[in-house]
Amino acid sequence: MLWVILLSGQDQSLRLQNIQNNLDNLAVENNGLSETLNLDITAGSLSLSNFLLALAEVHQLNLNVDPGLQGTTIVNNFAEVKVSDLLLFLCKEYDLGIDFTGNILSI
């Protein structure tokens, strides 16, 4: 049982490391990923999909957001964080994945 838990944790770390590597590589061509978060959202909470779409618009990212994320609520309290770090955090926190197709990110 412990072996299965350890492998699961390693899979999670490897998954997040792969996402981080892809984000770092893409950030070379897409400055939006290296920018500091620049969202002025006054709502206390909003859907994760709306948050990601606003992030994409402000930082000129090509995001395809799964409609299933509409039901997930996020309370926004992020400041002085790099966009790529925020995306990695959201992947970890909400068990999301990112599929990369050129400079299009599908979450």
Protein backbone atom coordinates (compact mmCIF):
# COMPACT_ATOMS: atom_id res chain seq x y z
CA MET A 1 0.00 0.00 0.00
CA LEU A 2 2.80 2.42 0.91
CA TRP A 3 4.51 1.66 -2.41
CA VAL A 4 1.38 2.72 -4.31
CA ILE A 5 1.20 6.00 -2.33
CA LEU A 6 4.90 6.71 -3.00
CA LEU A 7 4.48 6.05 -6.73
CA SER A 8 1.42 8.29 -6.81
CA GLY A 9 3.38 11.12 -5.20
CA GLN A 10 6.23 10.63 -7.68
CA ASP A 11 3.75 10.72 -10.58
CA GLN A 12 2.34 14.00 -9.24
CA SER A 13 5.83 15.51 -8.91
CA LEU A 14 6.81 14.34 -12.40
CA ARG A 15 3.55 15.70 -13.87
CA LEU A 16 4.11 19.12 -12.26
CA GLN A 17 7.78 19.15 -13.30
CA ASN A 18 6.77 18.46 -16.92
CA ILE A 19 4.23 21.29 -16.82
CA GLN A 20 6.85 23.63 -15.31
CA ASN A 21 9.39 22.71 -17.99
CA ASN A 22 6.88 23.32 -20.77
CA LEU A 23 5.82 26.65 -19.27
CA ASP A 24 9.46 27.73 -18.95
CA ASN A 25 10.15 26.80 -22.58
CA LEU A 26 7.05 28.60 -23.81
CA ALA A 27 7.85 31.70 -21.72
CA VAL A 28 10.87 32.32 -23.94
CA GLU A 29 8.51 33.15 -26.82
CA ASN A 30 5.47 34.29 -24.86
CA ASN A 31 6.26 37.16 -22.48
CA GLY A 32 2.83 36.89 -20.85
CA LEU A 33 3.94 33.82 -18.91
CA SER A 34 6.85 35.73 -17.38
CA GLU A 35 4.79 38.77 -16.41
CA THR A 36 3.62 39.49 -12.90
CA LEU A 37 -0.08 38.85 -12.46
CA ASN A 38 -2.02 41.94 -13.48
CA LEU A 39 -5.67 41.24 -12.72
CA ASP A 40 -7.94 43.63 -10.89
CA ILE A 41 -10.85 41.42 -9.94
CA THR A 42 -12.93 42.70 -7.07
CA ALA A 43 -15.25 39.71 -6.74
CA GLY A 44 -14.60 37.61 -3.66
CA SER A 45 -14.89 34.42 -5.64
CA LEU A 46 -15.43 33.43 -9.24
CA SER A 47 -15.31 30.36 -11.37
CA LEU A 48 -11.91 28.96 -12.19
CA SER A 49 -12.74 29.05 -15.90
CA ASN A 50 -13.62 32.78 -15.76
CA PHE A 51 -10.44 33.50 -13.81
CA LEU A 52 -8.33 31.67 -16.39
CA LEU A 53 -10.05 33.41 -19.29
CA ALA A 54 -9.45 36.83 -17.68
CA LEU A 55 -5.82 35.86 -17.10
CA ALA A 56 -5.49 34.85 -20.75
CA GLU A 57 -6.99 38.11 -21.99
CA VAL A 58 -4.87 40.40 -19.82
CA HIS A 59 -1.60 38.57 -20.44
CA GLN A 60 -2.29 37.67 -24.08
CA LEU A 61 -2.18 33.92 -23.60
CA ASN A 62 -3.82 31.39 -25.88
CA LEU A 63 -5.83 29.31 -23.41
CA ASN A 64 -8.45 26.72 -24.10
CA VAL A 65 -10.35 26.14 -20.85
CA ASP A 66 -12.35 22.98 -20.21
CA PRO A 67 -16.03 23.91 -19.65
CA GLY A 68 -16.07 21.53 -16.68
CA LEU A 69 -14.07 24.08 -14.70
CA GLN A 70 -17.06 26.45 -14.66
CA GLY A 71 -18.33 24.73 -11.52
CA THR A 72 -15.05 25.16 -9.63
CA THR A 73 -14.86 28.32 -7.53
CA ILE A 74 -11.65 30.15 -6.76
CA VAL A 75 -11.09 32.91 -4.23
CA ASN A 76 -8.60 35.29 -5.80
CA ASN A 77 -5.92 36.59 -3.47
CA PHE A 78 -2.82 36.47 -5.64
CA ALA A 79 -0.34 39.34 -5.79
CA GLU A 80 3.22 39.70 -7.04
CA VAL A 81 3.19 36.26 -8.62
CA LYS A 82 4.50 35.29 -12.04
CA VAL A 83 1.78 34.05 -14.40
CA SER A 84 3.56 30.74 -15.06
CA ASP A 85 3.91 30.15 -11.29
CA LEU A 86 0.20 30.83 -10.86
CA LEU A 87 -0.69 28.34 -13.60
CA LEU A 88 1.54 25.71 -11.98
CA PHE A 89 -0.05 26.38 -8.58
CA LEU A 90 -3.55 26.00 -10.04
CA CYS A 91 -2.53 22.71 -11.67
CA LYS A 92 -1.28 21.44 -8.33
CA GLU A 93 -4.17 22.79 -6.24
CA TYR A 94 -7.00 21.65 -8.54
CA ASP A 95 -5.29 18.59 -10.05
CA LEU A 96 -5.32 20.15 -13.52
CA GLY A 97 -3.25 19.33 -16.55
CA ILE A 98 -2.06 21.47 -19.40
CA ASP A 99 -1.77 20.12 -22.93
CA PHE A 100 0.63 22.18 -25.04
CA THR A 101 0.09 22.65 -28.76
CA GLY A 102 2.57 25.23 -29.97
CA ASN A 103 1.70 28.33 -27.95
CA ILE A 104 -1.83 27.12 -27.15
CA LEU A 105 -2.41 25.85 -23.64
CA SER A 106 -5.40 23.60 -23.09
CA ILE A 107 -6.36 23.34 -19.43
